[in-house]
Amino acid sequence: MSKKTVFHDPLPPLQVLLWQQCWAAAAGAGTGAIVSFHFGRKLPRPKPLDNPAVGADLRTHQGEAILFIECRWSVTSKNGVSFDSDEDRKFNGRVARAIKNVVGSAVLQIRATMPPSEIVVSFDNGSTLELHADPADPDDPHDNFSLSFGDTSYVIGPDLGLRLEPRRGIVPLVGLSARSVRRRRAKV
């Protein structure tokens, strides 16, 4: 068994999610358990989405920070596990309820292991979002998860390695930077 280090103070770039409210999530039929959660300010999309299944806000805006999850994930509320992507791979009412437990809540704490195979995000309503990244063949085209903010996407790939990519599909605005995160934290 490999040794893992648990960080109770989240690693940068995960720190950007602290105290941020999740205002939207996107998942749906045909995507399996893939989901994205949108945090922080609503940034205008360069071109609105033409998808009536997506809420009005999400058609015209995207989160200042977006957590895009392709690996196993689960949401636990005060009443227990409301969704685990390993147990239920189809989009259904359980996924919708799990998303509702997160949307509208702010991030209070993030715990992560190194390598980043387990991430636990705790919200102010008592819910937790857990990501369980699995190491896979490095040639596997599917990433585990990514966090996008500013002009960068921080991607945890199939080998649990971190790579940086330019964030696509954003309108250039003064966005979230490490400096602005430190200033926000100092005000709290």
Foldseek 3Di string as FASTA:
>chain_A
DDDKDKDFADDPPVLLQAQWAFADKDDAFPLFLKMKTATDDWFFFPAFDPDPVGDPSNRGTGHLKMKTFDAWKWKAAPVGTLDTSVVGRGDDPSSVVRRVRRHGWGWHTWMAMVLGQWIWTATPRRMIMIFGQAADDQVPPDFGIWMDHQQWIWTLGNRSDTDIDGDPGGDDDPGDDPVVSVVVVVVD
